[in-house]
PDB file of N, CA and C in Angstrom:
ATOM      1  N   MET A   1     120.375  53.039 175.113  1.00  0.00           N
ATOM      2  CA  MET A   1     121.361  53.425 174.120  1.00  0.00           C
ATOM      3  C   MET A   1     122.307  52.252 173.874  1.00  0.00           C
ATOM      4  N   LYS A   2     122.656  52.071 172.629  1.00  0.00           N
ATOM      5  CA  LYS A   2     123.597  51.031 172.227  1.00  0.00           C
ATOM      6  C   LYS A   2     124.940  51.270 172.910  1.00  0.00           C
ATOM      7  N   ASN A   3     125.673  50.186 173.136  1.00  0.00           N
ATOM      8  CA  ASN A   3     127.008  50.294 173.730  1.00  0.00           C
ATOM      9  C   ASN A   3     127.883  51.186 172.863  1.00  0.00           C
ATOM     10  N   ILE A   4     128.332  52.296 173.425  1.00  0.00           N
ATOM     11  CA  ILE A   4     129.148  53.217 172.638  1.00  0.00           C
ATOM     12  C   ILE A   4     130.621  52.814 172.717  1.00  0.00           C
ATOM     13  N   ARG A   5     131.304  53.058 171.638  1.00  0.00           N
ATOM     14  CA  ARG A   5     132.726  52.759 171.526  1.00  0.00           C
ATOM     15  C   ARG A   5     133.468  54.078 171.448  1.00  0.00           C
ATOM     16  N   ILE A   6     134.239  54.382 172.488  1.00  0.00           N
ATOM     17  CA  ILE A   6     134.876  55.693 172.606  1.00  0.00           C
ATOM     18  C   ILE A   6     136.365  55.585 172.280  1.00  0.00           C
ATOM     19  N   THR A   7     136.806  56.452 171.382  1.00  0.00           N
ATOM     20  CA  THR A   7     138.216  56.555 171.058  1.00  0.00           C
ATOM     21  C   THR A   7     138.949  57.195 172.232  1.00  0.00           C
ATOM     22  N   GLU A   8     140.093  56.653 172.587  1.00  0.00           N
ATOM     23  CA  GLU A   8     140.928  57.263 173.619  1.00  0.00           C
ATOM     24  C   GLU A   8     141.296  58.685 173.198  1.00  0.00           C
ATOM     25  N   GLU A   9     141.431  59.584 174.160  1.00  0.00           N
ATOM     26  CA  GLU A   9     141.777  60.972 173.843  1.00  0.00           C
ATOM     27  C   GLU A   9     143.169  61.091 173.246  1.00  0.00           C
ATOM     28  N   VAL A  10     144.090  60.283 173.733  1.00  0.00           N
ATOM     29  CA  VAL A  10     145.453  60.271 173.194  1.00  0.00           C
ATOM     30  C   VAL A  10     145.776  58.836 172.791  1.00  0.00           C
ATOM     31  N   ILE A  11     146.081  58.653 171.530  1.00  0.00           N
ATOM     32  CA  ILE A  11     146.423  57.330 171.018  1.00  0.00           C
ATOM     33  C   ILE A  11     147.933  57.292 170.824  1.00  0.00           C
ATOM     34  N   THR A  12     148.573  56.358 171.526  1.00  0.00           N
ATOM     35  CA  THR A  12     150.031  56.272 171.453  1.00  0.00           C
ATOM     36  C   THR A  12     150.515  54.984 170.808  1.00  0.00           C
ATOM     37  N   ALA A  13     149.611  54.021 170.643  1.00  0.00           N
ATOM     38  CA  ALA A  13     149.976  52.748 170.032  1.00  0.00           C
ATOM     39  C   ALA A  13     148.739  52.158 169.366  1.00  0.00           C
ATOM     40  N   LEU A  14     148.969  51.325 168.361  1.00  0.00           N
ATOM     41  CA  LEU A  14     147.879  50.649 167.656  1.00  0.00           C
ATOM     42  C   LEU A  14     148.127  49.150 167.637  1.00  0.00           C
ATOM     43  N   ASP A  15     147.072  48.373 167.807  1.00  0.00           N
ATOM     44  CA  ASP A  15     147.145  46.943 167.555  1.00  0.00           C
ATOM     45  C   ASP A  15     147.122  46.754 166.042  1.00  0.00           C
ATOM     46  N   PRO A  16     147.546  45.605 165.546  1.00  0.00           N
ATOM     47  CA  PRO A  16     147.633  45.401 164.096  1.00  0.00           C
ATOM     48  C   PRO A  16     146.334  45.651 163.331  1.00  0.00           C
ATOM     49  N   GLU A  17     145.185  45.367 163.938  1.00  0.00           N
ATOM     50  CA  GLU A  17     143.909  45.546 163.244  1.00  0.00           C
ATOM     51  C   GLU A  17     143.323  46.948 163.429  1.00  0.00           C
ATOM     52  N   GLU A  18     143.959  47.793 164.228  1.00  0.00           N
ATOM     53  CA  GLU A  18     143.436  49.125 164.503  1.00  0.00           C
ATOM     54  C   GLU A  18     143.902  50.133 163.457  1.00  0.00           C
ATOM     55  N   ILE A  19     142.969  51.032 163.113  1.00  0.00           N
ATOM     56  CA  ILE A  19     143.206  52.059 162.108  1.00  0.00           C
ATOM     57  C   ILE A  19     142.956  53.421 162.745  1.00  0.00           C
ATOM     58  N   PHE A  20     143.955  54.297 162.682  1.00  0.00           N
ATOM     59  CA  PHE A  20     143.895  55.656 163.223  1.00  0.00           C
ATOM     60  C   PHE A  20     143.243  56.547 162.162  1.00  0.00           C
ATOM     61  N   VAL A  21     142.060  57.088 162.460  1.00  0.00           N
ATOM     62  CA  VAL A  21     141.306  57.900 161.503  1.00  0.00           C
ATOM     63  C   VAL A  21     141.510  59.373 161.846  1.00  0.00           C
ATOM     64  N   PHE A  22     142.008  60.128 160.868  1.00  0.00           N
ATOM     65  CA  PHE A  22     142.412  61.506 161.131  1.00  0.00           C
ATOM     66  C   PHE A  22     141.916  62.454 160.044  1.00  0.00           C
ATOM     67  N   GLY A  23     141.839  63.729 160.402  1.00  0.00           N
ATOM     68  CA  GLY A  23     141.492  64.770 159.445  1.00  0.00           C
ATOM     69  C   GLY A  23     142.731  65.180 158.668  1.00  0.00           C
ATOM     70  N   SER A  24     142.543  65.369 157.365  1.00  0.00           N
ATOM     71  CA  SER A  24     143.657  65.685 156.481  1.00  0.00           C
ATOM     72  C   SER A  24     143.292  66.880 155.614  1.00  0.00           C
ATOM     73  N   ASN A  25     144.245  67.267 154.785  1.00  0.00           N
ATOM     74  CA  ASN A  25     143.919  68.210 153.723  1.00  0.00           C
ATOM     75  C   ASN A  25     143.948  67.439 152.409  1.00  0.00           C
ATOM     76  N   LEU A  26     143.336  67.993 151.381  1.00  0.00           N
ATOM     77  CA  LEU A  26     143.204  67.276 150.117  1.00  0.00           C
ATOM     78  C   LEU A  26     144.546  66.907 149.498  1.00  0.00           C
ATOM     79  N   ASN A  27     145.576  67.695 149.769  1.00  0.00           N
ATOM     80  CA  ASN A  27     146.894  67.427 149.195  1.00  0.00           C
ATOM     81  C   ASN A  27     147.710  66.419 150.002  1.00  0.00           C
ATOM     82  N   GLY A  28     147.203  66.008 151.142  1.00  0.00           N
ATOM     83  CA  GLY A  28     147.915  65.030 151.948  1.00  0.00           C
ATOM     84  C   GLY A  28     149.193  65.556 152.561  1.00  0.00           C
ATOM     85  N   PHE A  29     149.197  66.829 152.913  1.00  0.00           N
ATOM     86  CA  PHE A  29     150.344  67.408 153.607  1.00  0.00           C
ATOM     87  C   PHE A  29     150.117  67.217 155.105  1.00  0.00           C
ATOM     88  N   HIS A  30     150.667  66.175 155.656  1.00  0.00           N
ATOM     89  CA  HIS A  30     150.414  65.765 157.042  1.00  0.00           C
ATOM     90  C   HIS A  30     151.394  66.426 158.000  1.00  0.00           C
ATOM     91  N   ALA A  31     151.332  67.744 158.065  1.00  0.00           N
ATOM     92  CA  ALA A  31     152.347  68.495 158.811  1.00  0.00           C
ATOM     93  C   ALA A  31     151.957  68.809 160.251  1.00  0.00           C
ATOM     94  N   GLY A  32     150.690  68.744 160.611  1.00  0.00           N
ATOM     95  CA  GLY A  32     150.309  69.147 161.960  1.00  0.00           C
ATOM     96  C   GLY A  32     149.176  68.320 162.520  1.00  0.00           C
ATOM     97  N   GLY A  33     148.965  68.454 163.802  1.00  0.00           N
ATOM     98  CA  GLY A  33     147.858  67.809 164.490  1.00  0.00           C
ATOM     99  C   GLY A  33     147.872  66.288 164.357  1.00  0.00           C
ATOM    100  N   ALA A  34     146.672  65.719 164.299  1.00  0.00           N
ATOM    101  CA  ALA A  34     146.544  64.264 164.191  1.00  0.00           C
ATOM    102  C   ALA A  34     147.141  63.744 162.885  1.00  0.00           C
ATOM    103  N   ALA A  35     147.122  64.566 161.835  1.00  0.00           N
ATOM    104  CA  ALA A  35     147.704  64.144 160.555  1.00  0.00           C
ATOM    105  C   ALA A  35     149.201  63.878 160.711  1.00  0.00           C
ATOM    106  N   HIS A  36     149.865  64.728 161.460  1.00  0.00           N
ATOM    107  CA  HIS A  36     151.294  64.519 161.702  1.00  0.00           C
ATOM    108  C   HIS A  36     151.513  63.240 162.511  1.00  0.00           C
ATOM    109  N   THR A  37     150.685  63.036 163.518  1.00  0.00           N
ATOM    110  CA  THR A  37     150.767  61.818 164.325  1.00  0.00           C
ATOM    111  C   THR A  37     150.546  60.582 163.458  1.00  0.00           C
ATOM    112  N   ALA A  38     149.636  60.669 162.499  1.00  0.00           N
ATOM    113  CA  ALA A  38     149.312  59.535 161.625  1.00  0.00           C
ATOM    114  C   ALA A  38     150.522  59.043 160.836  1.00  0.00           C
ATOM    115  N   CYS A  39     151.482  59.898 160.620  1.00  0.00           N
ATOM    116  CA  CYS A  39     152.682  59.504 159.858  1.00  0.00           C
ATOM    117  C   CYS A  39     153.420  58.353 160.524  1.00  0.00           C
ATOM    118  N   ARG A  40     153.354  58.258 161.846  1.00  0.00           N
ATOM    119  CA  ARG A  40     154.058  57.164 162.534  1.00  0.00           C
ATOM    120  C   ARG A  40     153.426  55.807 162.236  1.00  0.00           C
ATOM    121  N   TRP A  41     152.161  55.804 161.743  1.00  0.00           N
ATOM    122  CA  TRP A  41     151.477  54.548 161.445  1.00  0.00           C
ATOM    123  C   TRP A  41     151.196  54.364 159.957  1.00  0.00           C
ATOM    124  N   GLY A  42     151.892  55.113 159.127  1.00  0.00           N
ATOM    125  CA  GLY A  42     151.815  54.843 157.699  1.00  0.00           C
ATOM    126  C   GLY A  42     151.101  55.853 156.833  1.00  0.00           C
ATOM    127  N   ALA A  43     150.670  56.986 157.377  1.00  0.00           N
ATOM    128  CA  ALA A  43     150.067  58.019 156.527  1.00  0.00           C
ATOM    129  C   ALA A  43     151.093  58.436 155.479  1.00  0.00           C
ATOM    130  N   LYS A  44     150.651  58.521 154.241  1.00  0.00           N
ATOM    131  CA  LYS A  44     151.548  58.818 153.124  1.00  0.00           C
ATOM    132  C   LYS A  44     151.458  60.282 152.726  1.00  0.00           C
ATOM    133  N   TRP A  45     152.600  60.919 152.668  1.00  0.00           N
ATOM    134  CA  TRP A  45     152.674  62.300 152.214  1.00  0.00           C
ATOM    135  C   TRP A  45     152.130  62.363 150.793  1.00  0.00           C
ATOM    136  N   GLY A  46     151.181  63.263 150.555  1.00  0.00           N
ATOM    137  CA  GLY A  46     150.597  63.420 149.236  1.00  0.00           C
ATOM    138  C   GLY A  46     149.300  62.656 149.035  1.00  0.00           C
ATOM    139  N   GLN A  47     148.865  61.860 150.009  1.00  0.00           N
ATOM    140  CA  GLN A  47     147.586  61.144 149.920  1.00  0.00           C
ATOM    141  C   GLN A  47     146.640  61.730 150.951  1.00  0.00           C
ATOM    142  N   GLY A  48     145.626  62.448 150.495  1.00  0.00           N
ATOM    143  CA  GLY A  48     144.727  63.162 151.385  1.00  0.00           C
ATOM    144  C   GLY A  48     143.483  62.427 151.807  1.00  0.00           C
ATOM    145  N   GLU A  49     143.245  61.245 151.241  1.00  0.00           N
ATOM    146  CA  GLU A  49     142.036  60.487 151.595  1.00  0.00           C
ATOM    147  C   GLU A  49     142.324  59.002 151.540  1.00  0.00           C
ATOM    148  N   GLY A  50     141.643  58.274 152.418  1.00  0.00           N
ATOM    149  CA  GLY A  50     141.646  56.823 152.350  1.00  0.00           C
ATOM    150  C   GLY A  50     142.648  56.124 153.243  1.00  0.00           C
ATOM    151  N   LEU A  51     142.684  54.799 153.052  1.00  0.00           N
ATOM    152  CA  LEU A  51     143.532  53.929 153.852  1.00  0.00           C
ATOM    153  C   LEU A  51     144.993  54.100 153.464  1.00  0.00           C
ATOM    154  N   GLN A  52     145.830  54.235 154.486  1.00  0.00           N
ATOM    155  CA  GLN A  52     147.277  54.404 154.316  1.00  0.00           C
ATOM    156  C   GLN A  52     147.938  53.728 155.502  1.00  0.00           C
ATOM    157  N   GLY A  53     148.543  52.578 155.297  1.00  0.00           N
ATOM    158  CA  GLY A  53     149.107  51.843 156.425  1.00  0.00           C
ATOM    159  C   GLY A  53     148.013  51.545 157.438  1.00  0.00           C
ATOM    160  N   ASN A  54     148.246  51.895 158.696  1.00  0.00           N
ATOM    161  CA  ASN A  54     147.238  51.715 159.741  1.00  0.00           C
ATOM    162  C   ASN A  54     146.527  53.033 160.034  1.00  0.00           C
ATOM    163  N   THR A  55     146.309  53.815 158.976  1.00  0.00           N
ATOM    164  CA  THR A  55     145.595  55.081 159.115  1.00  0.00           C
ATOM    165  C   THR A  55     144.562  55.213 157.996  1.00  0.00           C
ATOM    166  N   TYR A  56     143.609  56.104 158.232  1.00  0.00           N
ATOM    167  CA  TYR A  56     142.610  56.444 157.220  1.00  0.00           C
ATOM    168  C   TYR A  56     142.415  57.956 157.283  1.00  0.00           C
ATOM    169  N   ALA A  57     142.633  58.635 156.149  1.00  0.00           N
ATOM    170  CA  ALA A  57     142.521  60.092 156.084  1.00  0.00           C
ATOM    171  C   ALA A  57     141.141  60.516 155.584  1.00  0.00           C
ATOM    172  N   ILE A  58     140.564  61.496 156.275  1.00  0.00           N
ATOM    173  CA  ILE A  58     139.321  62.138 155.851  1.00  0.00           C
ATOM    174  C   ILE A  58     139.632  63.619 155.642  1.00  0.00           C
ATOM    175  N   PRO A  59     139.540  64.116 154.411  1.00  0.00           N
ATOM    176  CA  PRO A  59     139.834  65.531 154.179  1.00  0.00           C
ATOM    177  C   PRO A  59     138.844  66.442 154.902  1.00  0.00           C
ATOM    178  N   THR A  60     139.395  67.387 155.664  1.00  0.00           N
ATOM    179  CA  THR A  60     138.556  68.336 156.416  1.00  0.00           C
ATOM    180  C   THR A  60     139.054  69.772 156.301  1.00  0.00           C
ATOM    181  N   MET A  61     140.189  69.961 155.654  1.00  0.00           N
ATOM    182  CA  MET A  61     140.832  71.278 155.633  1.00  0.00           C
ATOM    183  C   MET A  61     140.417  72.109 154.416  1.00  0.00           C
ATOM    184  N   PHE A  62     139.124  72.167 154.151  1.00  0.00           N
ATOM    185  CA  PHE A  62     138.638  72.932 153.014  1.00  0.00           C
ATOM    186  C   PHE A  62     137.140  73.145 153.204  1.00  0.00           C
ATOM    187  N   GLY A  63     136.594  74.100 152.554  1.00  0.00           N
ATOM    188  CA  GLY A  63     135.160  74.251 152.391  1.00  0.00           C
ATOM    189  C   GLY A  63     134.292  74.156 153.619  1.00  0.00           C
ATOM    190  N   THR A  64     133.135  73.563 153.397  1.00  0.00           N
ATOM    191  CA  THR A  64     132.071  73.526 154.394  1.00  0.00           C
ATOM    192  C   THR A  64     131.842  72.110 154.915  1.00  0.00           C
ATOM    193  N   VAL A  65     131.050  72.007 155.953  1.00  0.00           N
ATOM    194  CA  VAL A  65     130.681  70.700 156.493  1.00  0.00           C
ATOM    195  C   VAL A  65     129.989  69.866 155.415  1.00  0.00           C
ATOM    196  N   GLU A  66     129.142  70.489 154.616  1.00  0.00           N
ATOM    197  CA  GLU A  66     128.443  69.771 153.555  1.00  0.00           C
ATOM    198  C   GLU A  66     129.423  69.202 152.531  1.00  0.00           C
ATOM    199  N   GLU A  67     130.532  69.884 152.313  1.00  0.00           N
ATOM    200  CA  GLU A  67     131.541  69.393 151.375  1.00  0.00           C
ATOM    201  C   GLU A  67     132.378  68.261 151.981  1.00  0.00           C
ATOM    202  N   ILE A  68     132.462  68.206 153.297  1.00  0.00           N
ATOM    203  CA  ILE A  68     133.188  67.146 153.992  1.00  0.00           C
ATOM    204  C   ILE A  68     132.353  65.866 154.052  1.00  0.00           C
ATOM    205  N   LYS A  69     131.040  66.001 154.097  1.00  0.00           N
ATOM    206  CA  LYS A  69     130.139  64.863 154.274  1.00  0.00           C
ATOM    207  C   LYS A  69     130.398  63.697 153.323  1.00  0.00           C
ATOM    208  N   PRO A  70     130.600  63.902 152.021  1.00  0.00           N
ATOM    209  CA  PRO A  70     130.839  62.742 151.146  1.00  0.00           C
ATOM    210  C   PRO A  70     132.088  61.941 151.533  1.00  0.00           C
ATOM    211  N   TYR A  71     133.096  62.609 152.064  1.00  0.00           N
ATOM    212  CA  TYR A  71     134.309  61.916 152.495  1.00  0.00           C
ATOM    213  C   TYR A  71     134.036  61.060 153.733  1.00  0.00           C
ATOM    214  N   VAL A  72     133.228  61.579 154.652  1.00  0.00           N
ATOM    215  CA  VAL A  72     132.848  60.813 155.842  1.00  0.00           C
ATOM    216  C   VAL A  72     131.976  59.636 155.418  1.00  0.00           C
ATOM    217  N   ASP A  73     131.060  59.867 154.496  1.00  0.00           N
ATOM    218  CA  ASP A  73     130.207  58.778 154.002  1.00  0.00           C
ATOM    219  C   ASP A  73     131.043  57.664 153.375  1.00  0.00           C
ATOM    220  N   ARG A  74     132.071  58.035 152.595  1.00  0.00           N
ATOM    221  CA  ARG A  74     132.951  57.024 151.990  1.00  0.00           C
ATOM    222  C   ARG A  74     133.710  56.252 153.064  1.00  0.00           C
ATOM    223  N   PHE A  75     134.159  56.967 154.105  1.00  0.00           N
ATOM    224  CA  PHE A  75     134.834  56.288 155.208  1.00  0.00           C
ATOM    225  C   PHE A  75     133.907  55.271 155.868  1.00  0.00           C
ATOM    226  N   ILE A  76     132.683  55.661 156.177  1.00  0.00           N
ATOM    227  CA  ILE A  76     131.735  54.759 156.837  1.00  0.00           C
ATOM    228  C   ILE A  76     131.453  53.549 155.953  1.00  0.00           C
ATOM    229  N   ALA A  77     131.297  53.755 154.660  1.00  0.00           N
ATOM    230  CA  ALA A  77     131.082  52.631 153.730  1.00  0.00           C
ATOM    231  C   ALA A  77     132.300  51.700 153.731  1.00  0.00           C
ATOM    232  N   PHE A  78     133.499  52.274 153.759  1.00  0.00           N
ATOM    233  CA  PHE A  78     134.724  51.475 153.797  1.00  0.00           C
ATOM    234  C   PHE A  78     134.764  50.641 155.080  1.00  0.00           C
ATOM    235  N   ALA A  79     134.465  51.261 156.203  1.00  0.00           N
ATOM    236  CA  ALA A  79     134.478  50.554 157.488  1.00  0.00           C
ATOM    237  C   ALA A  79     133.442  49.434 157.498  1.00  0.00           C
ATOM    238  N   ARG A  80     132.297  49.674 156.896  1.00  0.00           N
ATOM    239  CA  ARG A  80     131.244  48.657 156.825  1.00  0.00           C
ATOM    240  C   ARG A  80     131.751  47.433 156.056  1.00  0.00           C
ATOM    241  N   GLU A  81     132.546  47.653 155.029  1.00  0.00           N
ATOM    242  CA  GLU A  81     133.069  46.571 154.195  1.00  0.00           C
ATOM    243  C   GLU A  81     134.283  45.878 154.819  1.00  0.00           C
ATOM    244  N   HIS A  82     134.848  46.468 155.859  1.00  0.00           N
ATOM    245  CA  HIS A  82     136.075  45.934 156.466  1.00  0.00           C
ATOM    246  C   HIS A  82     135.887  45.718 157.968  1.00  0.00           C
ATOM    247  N   SER A  83     135.006  44.786 158.297  1.00  0.00           N
ATOM    248  CA  SER A  83     134.696  44.515 159.701  1.00  0.00           C
ATOM    249  C   SER A  83     135.881  43.907 160.452  1.00  0.00           C
ATOM    250  N   GLU A  84     136.896  43.443 159.717  1.00  0.00           N
ATOM    251  CA  GLU A  84     138.086  42.897 160.372  1.00  0.00           C
ATOM    252  C   GLU A  84     138.983  43.998 160.945  1.00  0.00           C
ATOM    253  N   MET A  85     138.705  45.245 160.579  1.00  0.00           N
ATOM    254  CA  MET A  85     139.478  46.380 161.071  1.00  0.00           C
ATOM    255  C   MET A  85     138.690  47.117 162.152  1.00  0.00           C
ATOM    256  N   LYS A  86     139.404  47.734 163.082  1.00  0.00           N
ATOM    257  CA  LYS A  86     138.780  48.555 164.125  1.00  0.00           C
ATOM    258  C   LYS A  86     139.259  49.988 163.907  1.00  0.00           C
ATOM    259  N   PHE A  87     138.341  50.894 163.663  1.00  0.00           N
ATOM    260  CA  PHE A  87     138.642  52.273 163.305  1.00  0.00           C
ATOM    261  C   PHE A  87     138.521  53.182 164.529  1.00  0.00           C
ATOM    262  N   LEU A  88     139.614  53.856 164.852  1.00  0.00           N
ATOM    263  CA  LEU A  88     139.666  54.775 165.987  1.00  0.00           C
ATOM    264  C   LEU A  88     139.611  56.199 165.437  1.00  0.00           C
ATOM    265  N   VAL A  89     138.428  56.764 165.427  1.00  0.00           N
ATOM    266  CA  VAL A  89     138.211  58.093 164.851  1.00  0.00           C
ATOM    267  C   VAL A  89     138.649  59.160 165.851  1.00  0.00           C
ATOM    268  N   THR A  90     139.523  60.046 165.414  1.00  0.00           N
ATOM    269  CA  THR A  90     139.912  61.207 166.208  1.00  0.00           C
ATOM    270  C   THR A  90     138.870  62.305 165.975  1.00  0.00           C
ATOM    271  N   PRO A  91     138.918  63.413 166.690  1.00  0.00           N
ATOM    272  CA  PRO A  91     137.950  64.496 166.447  1.00  0.00           C
ATOM    273  C   PRO A  91     138.254  65.220 165.121  1.00  0.00           C
ATOM    274  N   VAL A  92     138.088  64.492 164.019  1.00  0.00           N
ATOM    275  CA  VAL A  92     138.426  65.030 162.701  1.00  0.00           C
ATOM    276  C   VAL A  92     137.716  66.357 162.457  1.00  0.00           C
ATOM    277  N   GLY A  93     138.452  67.306 161.930  1.00  0.00           N
ATOM    278  CA  GLY A  93     137.893  68.607 161.596  1.00  0.00           C
ATOM    279  C   GLY A  93     137.777  69.575 162.751  1.00  0.00           C
ATOM    280  N   CYS A  94     138.041  69.112 163.977  1.00  0.00           N
ATOM    281  CA  CYS A  94     137.813  69.944 165.161  1.00  0.00           C
ATOM    282  C   CYS A  94     139.098  70.520 165.754  1.00  0.00           C
ATOM    283  N   GLY A  95     140.175  70.422 165.030  1.00  0.00           N
ATOM    284  CA  GLY A  95     141.436  71.002 165.481  1.00  0.00           C
ATOM    285  C   GLY A  95     141.825  72.125 164.540  1.00  0.00           C
ATOM    286  N   ILE A  96     142.853  71.885 163.769  1.00  0.00           N
ATOM    287  CA  ILE A  96     143.386  72.881 162.844  1.00  0.00           C
ATOM    288  C   ILE A  96     142.331  73.328 161.820  1.00  0.00           C
ATOM    289  N   ALA A  97     141.443  72.417 161.408  1.00  0.00           N
ATOM    290  CA  ALA A  97     140.419  72.765 160.407  1.00  0.00           C
ATOM    291  C   ALA A  97     139.411  73.779 160.931  1.00  0.00           C
ATOM    292  N   GLY A  98     139.224  73.837 162.263  1.00  0.00           N
ATOM    293  CA  GLY A  98     138.419  74.884 162.873  1.00  0.00           C
ATOM    294  C   GLY A  98     136.927  74.647 163.012  1.00  0.00           C
ATOM    295  N   PHE A  99     136.462  73.431 162.738  1.00  0.00           N
ATOM    296  CA  PHE A  99     135.046  73.139 162.939  1.00  0.00           C
ATOM    297  C   PHE A  99     134.817  72.733 164.390  1.00  0.00           C
ATOM    298  N   SER A 100     133.567  72.757 164.818  1.00  0.00           N
ATOM    299  CA  SER A 100     133.239  72.332 166.176  1.00  0.00           C
ATOM    300  C   SER A 100     132.653  70.919 166.136  1.00  0.00           C
ATOM    301  N   PRO A 101     132.692  70.214 167.266  1.00  0.00           N
ATOM    302  CA  PRO A 101     132.046  68.903 167.321  1.00  0.00           C
ATOM    303  C   PRO A 101     130.552  68.962 166.988  1.00  0.00           C
ATOM    304  N   VAL A 102     129.906  70.065 167.331  1.00  0.00           N
ATOM    305  CA  VAL A 102     128.478  70.230 167.013  1.00  0.00           C
ATOM    306  C   VAL A 102     128.269  70.173 165.504  1.00  0.00           C
ATOM    307  N   GLU A 103     129.226  70.698 164.748  1.00  0.00           N
ATOM    308  CA  GLU A 103     129.124  70.702 163.286  1.00  0.00           C
ATOM    309  C   GLU A 103     129.506  69.352 162.671  1.00  0.00           C
ATOM    310  N   ILE A 104     130.559  68.718 163.186  1.00  0.00           N
ATOM    311  CA  ILE A 104     131.119  67.521 162.566  1.00  0.00           C
ATOM    312  C   ILE A 104     130.466  66.223 163.039  1.00  0.00           C
ATOM    313  N   ALA A 105     130.155  66.116 164.319  1.00  0.00           N
ATOM    314  CA  ALA A 105     129.625  64.862 164.872  1.00  0.00           C
ATOM    315  C   ALA A 105     128.439  64.300 164.098  1.00  0.00           C
ATOM    316  N   PRO A 106     127.460  65.117 163.688  1.00  0.00           N
ATOM    317  CA  PRO A 106     126.322  64.533 162.966  1.00  0.00           C
ATOM    318  C   PRO A 106     126.698  63.811 161.670  1.00  0.00           C
ATOM    319  N   LEU A 107     127.837  64.149 161.099  1.00  0.00           N
ATOM    320  CA  LEU A 107     128.281  63.453 159.889  1.00  0.00           C
ATOM    321  C   LEU A 107     128.551  61.977 160.169  1.00  0.00           C
ATOM    322  N   PHE A 108     128.796  61.631 161.421  1.00  0.00           N
ATOM    323  CA  PHE A 108     129.142  60.262 161.804  1.00  0.00           C
ATOM    324  C   PHE A 108     127.953  59.464 162.348  1.00  0.00           C
ATOM    325  N   GLU A 109     126.740  59.972 162.208  1.00  0.00           N
ATOM    326  CA  GLU A 109     125.566  59.238 162.689  1.00  0.00           C
ATOM    327  C   GLU A 109     125.470  57.850 162.071  1.00  0.00           C
ATOM    328  N   GLY A 110     125.909  57.710 160.828  1.00  0.00           N
ATOM    329  CA  GLY A 110     125.882  56.408 160.158  1.00  0.00           C
ATOM    330  C   GLY A 110     126.845  55.403 160.749  1.00  0.00           C
ATOM    331  N   ALA A 111     127.728  55.836 161.633  1.00  0.00           N
ATOM    332  CA  ALA A 111     128.701  54.940 162.267  1.00  0.00           C
ATOM    333  C   ALA A 111     128.198  54.368 163.589  1.00  0.00           C
ATOM    334  N   VAL A 112     127.096  54.862 164.087  1.00  0.00           N
ATOM    335  CA  VAL A 112     126.603  54.477 165.410  1.00  0.00           C
ATOM    336  C   VAL A 112     126.398  52.967 165.529  1.00  0.00           C
ATOM    337  N   ASP A 113     125.881  52.329 164.502  1.00  0.00           N
ATOM    338  CA  ASP A 113     125.588  50.900 164.572  1.00  0.00           C
ATOM    339  C   ASP A 113     126.718  50.011 164.064  1.00  0.00           C
ATOM    340  N   LEU A 114     127.857  50.588 163.756  1.00  0.00           N
ATOM    341  CA  LEU A 114     128.991  49.784 163.297  1.00  0.00           C
ATOM    342  C   LEU A 114     129.920  49.485 164.475  1.00  0.00           C
ATOM    343  N   ASP A 115     130.005  48.234 164.848  1.00  0.00           N
ATOM    344  CA  ASP A 115     130.796  47.839 166.013  1.00  0.00           C
ATOM    345  C   ASP A 115     132.285  48.042 165.838  1.00  0.00           C
ATOM    346  N   ASN A 116     132.736  48.267 164.612  1.00  0.00           N
ATOM    347  CA  ASN A 116     134.173  48.417 164.373  1.00  0.00           C
ATOM    348  C   ASN A 116     134.608  49.881 164.270  1.00  0.00           C
ATOM    349  N   ILE A 117     133.726  50.814 164.629  1.00  0.00           N
ATOM    350  CA  ILE A 117     134.088  52.233 164.640  1.00  0.00           C
ATOM    351  C   ILE A 117     133.947  52.780 166.053  1.00  0.00           C
ATOM    352  N   CYS A 118     135.049  53.356 166.548  1.00  0.00           N
ATOM    353  CA  CYS A 118     135.044  54.078 167.826  1.00  0.00           C
ATOM    354  C   CYS A 118     135.067  55.567 167.498  1.00  0.00           C
ATOM    355  N   LEU A 119     134.279  56.334 168.227  1.00  0.00           N
ATOM    356  CA  LEU A 119     134.198  57.782 168.020  1.00  0.00           C
ATOM    357  C   LEU A 119     134.651  58.517 169.276  1.00  0.00           C
ATOM    358  N   PRO A 120     135.116  59.746 169.113  1.00  0.00           N
ATOM    359  CA  PRO A 120     135.461  60.541 170.295  1.00  0.00           C
ATOM    360  C   PRO A 120     134.227  60.757 171.184  1.00  0.00           C
ATOM    361  N   ARG A 121     134.454  60.815 172.479  1.00  0.00           N
ATOM    362  CA  ARG A 121     133.343  61.038 173.424  1.00  0.00           C
ATOM    363  C   ARG A 121     132.499  62.247 173.021  1.00  0.00           C
ATOM    364  N   VAL A 122     133.159  63.331 172.615  1.00  0.00           N
ATOM    365  CA  VAL A 122     132.436  64.557 172.260  1.00  0.00           C
ATOM    366  C   VAL A 122     131.541  64.335 171.028  1.00  0.00           C
ATOM    367  N   PHE A 123     131.909  63.450 170.129  1.00  0.00           N
ATOM    368  CA  PHE A 123     131.034  63.132 169.002  1.00  0.00           C
ATOM    369  C   PHE A 123     129.809  62.378 169.496  1.00  0.00           C
ATOM    370  N   TRP A 124     130.020  61.369 170.364  1.00  0.00           N
ATOM    371  CA  TRP A 124     128.897  60.630 170.910  1.00  0.00           C
ATOM    372  C   TRP A 124     127.924  61.574 171.629  1.00  0.00           C
ATOM    373  N   GLU A 125     128.468  62.478 172.418  1.00  0.00           N
ATOM    374  CA  GLU A 125     127.605  63.412 173.153  1.00  0.00           C
ATOM    375  C   GLU A 125     126.741  64.231 172.213  1.00  0.00           C
ATOM    376  N   ASN A 126     127.290  64.615 171.076  1.00  0.00           N
ATOM    377  CA  ASN A 126     126.538  65.429 170.118  1.00  0.00           C
ATOM    378  C   ASN A 126     125.587  64.595 169.262  1.00  0.00           C
ATOM    379  N   ILE A 127     125.899  63.333 169.062  1.00  0.00           N
ATOM    380  CA  ILE A 127     125.028  62.465 168.258  1.00  0.00           C
ATOM    381  C   ILE A 127     123.845  61.963 169.088  1.00  0.00           C
ATOM    382  N   THR A 128     124.128  61.529 170.314  1.00  0.00           N
ATOM    383  CA  THR A 128     123.089  60.886 171.125  1.00  0.00           C
ATOM    384  C   THR A 128     122.399  61.831 172.088  1.00  0.00           C
ATOM    385  N   GLY A 129     122.924  63.043 172.237  1.00  0.00           N
ATOM    386  CA  GLY A 129     122.301  64.011 173.132  1.00  0.00           C
ATOM    387  C   GLY A 129     122.765  63.786 174.486  1.00  0.00           C
TER     388      GLY A 129
END
């Protein structure tokens, strides 16, 4: 198995090149969970997707896993284009949004070979078995 990059369970500080990746809602109301934490590193109220300061929002507070997939795909494409950044993915969608890692982790299979993306241990466990 390729060297896995595991996101720390609790992130309290970021290096300048590190990006905190969190689950958001489409309206960018960052009131709870990791979204609220993201505000300390530049998450913008009213922006529900994309790069914001040292954060990247992935909307997860709506619909189905299939509806979330295009947002995860856009994130992975963005990370591929920005190898100078290191993305620390939190368990997006697995808190307030109510999805399980079994449901969300497979969306991140495209991140396995990207050295600049760290995933939660529980995502790795579900992706690699």
